[in-house]
């Protein structure tokens, strides 16, 4: 009997050590994944089938001007888009969720931050599984292209002014 008890204790200790090691490994992998999310130069967000935010990284909070944790559970469509953009975004979301499209190639949306500033995001998204319940979810990454678009518009305006100046100069010298 003592031999059986000793054997059981040994098996329990061995299994406990295996589980402890597996748990430690999962914590290391979780911490590494969290570091990758935080270091990404893009917004990374996971939405459930109703477009509620399940996960958003630090860059997302920074761009949207919210405190960390404040957006979890909030509906992505309802809090940072004007009505027109929310409708367009809802169409893209619906196409992904109902399987019409497996992925959306790059698309751009304007959104409003918590302090009322308009930002433009270049977004890529994919349907995946919700890690909490296995239902469908959408994972997207978004790059803030606000400054790039502003520079692009400034360049277009400068080119237009230069062309007008060249036409005026040509007309002046033609006379």
Protein backbone atom coordinates (compact mmCIF):
# COMPACT_ATOMS: atom_id res chain seq x y z
CA UNK A 1 0.00 0.00 0.00
CA UNK A 2 2.84 2.38 0.88
CA UNK A 3 4.42 1.58 -2.46
CA UNK A 4 1.22 2.51 -4.33
CA UNK A 5 0.91 5.73 -2.30
CA UNK A 6 4.55 6.63 -3.00
CA UNK A 7 4.06 5.92 -6.69
CA UNK A 8 0.91 8.11 -6.78
CA UNK A 9 2.71 10.93 -4.98
CA UNK A 10 5.55 10.69 -7.47
CA UNK A 11 3.11 10.80 -10.41
CA UNK A 12 1.26 13.79 -8.91
CA UNK A 13 4.54 15.65 -8.33
CA UNK A 14 5.74 14.88 -11.86
CA UNK A 15 2.44 16.01 -13.39
CA UNK A 16 2.43 19.15 -11.25
CA UNK A 17 5.94 19.98 -12.47
CA UNK A 18 4.85 19.42 -16.09
CA UNK A 19 1.85 21.71 -15.64
CA UNK A 20 3.99 24.36 -13.90
CA UNK A 21 6.49 24.27 -16.78
CA UNK A 22 3.71 24.45 -19.38
CA UNK A 23 2.13 27.38 -17.51
CA UNK A 24 5.48 29.19 -17.33
CA UNK A 25 5.99 28.65 -21.07
CA UNK A 26 2.50 30.01 -21.82
CA UNK A 27 3.22 33.09 -19.70
CA UNK A 28 6.47 33.69 -21.58
CA UNK A 29 4.67 33.35 -24.93
CA UNK A 30 1.82 35.61 -23.76
CA UNK A 31 4.26 38.27 -22.58
CA UNK A 32 6.17 38.04 -25.86
CA UNK A 33 2.97 38.40 -27.90
CA UNK A 34 1.94 41.38 -25.75
CA UNK A 35 5.33 42.97 -26.37
CA UNK A 36 4.89 42.50 -30.13
CA UNK A 37 1.46 44.12 -29.98
CA UNK A 38 2.79 47.06 -28.01
CA UNK A 39 5.80 47.56 -30.27
CA UNK A 40 3.82 47.41 -33.51
CA UNK A 41 3.79 50.68 -35.40
CA UNK A 42 0.12 50.16 -36.18
CA UNK A 43 -3.25 49.94 -34.49
CA UNK A 44 -4.10 46.30 -33.91
CA UNK A 45 -7.66 45.54 -32.92
CA UNK A 46 -9.86 42.47 -32.54
CA UNK A 47 -13.63 42.89 -32.96
CA UNK A 48 -16.31 40.33 -32.10
CA UNK A 49 -19.21 39.48 -34.44
CA UNK A 50 -21.07 42.61 -33.24
CA UNK A 51 -18.04 44.90 -33.78
CA UNK A 52 -17.38 45.18 -30.05
CA UNK A 53 -13.71 45.65 -29.20
CA UNK A 54 -12.14 42.57 -27.63
CA UNK A 55 -8.54 43.75 -27.84
CA UNK A 56 -6.76 46.91 -28.93
CA UNK A 57 -3.08 47.69 -28.55
CA UNK A 58 -1.40 50.74 -27.02
CA UNK A 59 -0.99 52.42 -30.42
CA UNK A 60 -4.77 52.23 -30.85
CA UNK A 61 -5.36 53.90 -27.53
CA UNK A 62 -2.75 56.54 -28.31
CA UNK A 63 -4.13 57.41 -31.76
CA UNK A 64 -7.73 57.46 -30.55
CA UNK A 65 -6.76 59.41 -27.41
CA UNK A 66 -8.33 57.04 -24.91
CA UNK A 67 -6.92 55.56 -21.71
CA UNK A 68 -5.82 51.92 -21.82
CA UNK A 69 -8.73 49.60 -21.05
CA UNK A 70 -11.36 52.24 -21.77
CA UNK A 71 -12.36 50.80 -25.18
CA UNK A 72 -12.76 47.11 -24.35
CA UNK A 73 -16.39 46.11 -24.93
CA UNK A 74 -17.24 49.33 -26.80
CA UNK A 75 -18.71 49.10 -30.29
CA UNK A 76 -16.13 50.15 -32.88
CA UNK A 77 -18.79 51.48 -35.29
CA UNK A 78 -20.54 53.68 -32.73
CA UNK A 79 -17.84 55.67 -31.05
CA UNK A 80 -15.36 57.08 -33.56
CA UNK A 81 -17.05 57.48 -36.93
CA UNK A 82 -19.41 60.00 -38.38
CA UNK A 83 -22.63 58.45 -39.76
CA UNK A 84 -21.42 58.19 -43.37
CA UNK A 85 -18.13 56.54 -42.41
CA UNK A 86 -19.87 54.26 -39.89
CA UNK A 87 -22.18 53.04 -42.67
CA UNK A 88 -19.25 52.37 -45.04
CA UNK A 89 -17.33 50.62 -42.29
CA UNK A 90 -20.40 48.55 -41.38
CA UNK A 91 -20.67 47.38 -45.00
CA UNK A 92 -17.02 46.24 -45.00
CA UNK A 93 -17.54 44.58 -41.61
CA UNK A 94 -20.67 42.78 -42.85
CA UNK A 95 -18.89 41.54 -45.99
CA UNK A 96 -16.18 40.03 -43.83
CA UNK A 97 -18.51 38.54 -41.22
CA UNK A 98 -20.96 36.95 -43.67
CA UNK A 99 -18.17 35.44 -45.77
CA UNK A 100 -18.67 37.60 -48.87
CA UNK A 101 -15.01 38.50 -48.53
CA UNK A 102 -12.34 36.60 -46.62
CA UNK A 103 -10.09 39.62 -46.41
CA UNK A 104 -10.36 43.24 -47.30
CA UNK A 105 -7.46 44.58 -49.23
CA UNK A 106 -6.30 47.96 -48.00
CA UNK A 107 -9.00 50.52 -47.40
CA UNK A 108 -8.95 53.91 -45.70
CA UNK A 109 -11.32 55.29 -43.08
CA UNK A 110 -11.46 58.64 -41.35
CA UNK A 111 -12.24 58.44 -37.68
CA UNK A 112 -12.70 60.88 -34.87
CA UNK A 113 -10.51 60.70 -31.79
CA UNK A 114 -11.73 61.22 -28.25
CA UNK A 115 -10.69 64.89 -28.47
CA UNK A 116 -12.49 65.47 -31.80
CA UNK A 117 -9.47 65.28 -34.11
CA UNK A 118 -9.94 63.53 -37.45
CA UNK A 119 -7.39 60.78 -38.22
CA UNK A 120 -7.09 58.62 -41.33
CA UNK A 121 -6.23 54.95 -41.01
CA UNK A 122 -5.13 52.61 -43.77
CA UNK A 123 -6.66 49.30 -42.67
CA UNK A 124 -6.14 45.61 -43.48
CA UNK A 125 -8.44 43.06 -41.89
CA UNK A 126 -9.10 39.34 -41.77
CA UNK A 127 -11.73 37.04 -40.32
CA UNK A 128 -10.44 34.89 -37.48
CA UNK A 129 -11.76 33.11 -34.40
CA UNK A 130 -12.65 34.91 -31.22
CA UNK A 131 -10.14 33.46 -28.73
CA UNK A 132 -12.67 33.74 -25.91
CA UNK A 133 -15.56 31.73 -27.37
CA UNK A 134 -14.54 30.46 -30.83
CA UNK A 135 -17.06 32.60 -32.74
CA UNK A 136 -16.09 34.63 -35.79
CA UNK A 137 -14.10 37.80 -35.16
CA UNK A 138 -12.25 40.37 -37.22
CA UNK A 139 -8.62 41.21 -36.64
CA UNK A 140 -7.40 44.39 -38.26
CA UNK A 141 -4.31 46.48 -38.37
CA UNK A 142 -4.39 50.15 -39.21
CA UNK A 143 -1.62 52.59 -40.00
CA UNK A 144 -2.20 56.26 -39.23
CA UNK A 145 -1.73 58.02 -42.57
CA UNK A 146 -3.10 61.40 -41.50
CA UNK A 147 0.18 63.27 -41.94
CA UNK A 148 0.95 61.52 -45.23
CA UNK A 149 -2.45 62.54 -46.63
CA UNK A 150 -1.94 66.13 -45.42
CA UNK A 151 1.47 66.27 -47.11
CA UNK A 152 0.01 64.76 -50.27
CA UNK A 153 -2.76 67.40 -50.34
CA UNK A 154 -0.22 70.18 -49.69
CA UNK A 155 1.89 68.94 -52.62
CA UNK A 156 -1.11 68.80 -54.93
CA UNK A 157 -2.01 72.35 -53.93
CA UNK A 158 1.59 73.54 -54.48
CA UNK A 159 1.70 71.91 -57.92
CA UNK A 160 -1.59 73.57 -58.83
CA UNK A 161 -0.28 76.97 -57.72
CA UNK A 162 2.97 76.43 -59.64
CA UNK A 163 1.03 75.53 -62.81
CA UNK A 164 -1.11 78.67 -62.44
CA UNK A 165 2.03 80.77 -61.93
CA UNK A 166 3.64 79.22 -65.02
CA UNK A 167 0.52 79.97 -67.10
CA UNK A 168 0.45 83.57 -65.82
CA UNK A 169 4.17 83.94 -66.58
CA UNK A 170 3.72 82.51 -70.08
CA UNK A 171 0.79 84.84 -70.70
CA UNK A 172 2.80 87.82 -69.44
CA UNK A 173 5.77 87.10 -71.70
CA UNK A 174 3.49 86.35 -74.64
CA UNK A 175 2.19 89.92 -74.54
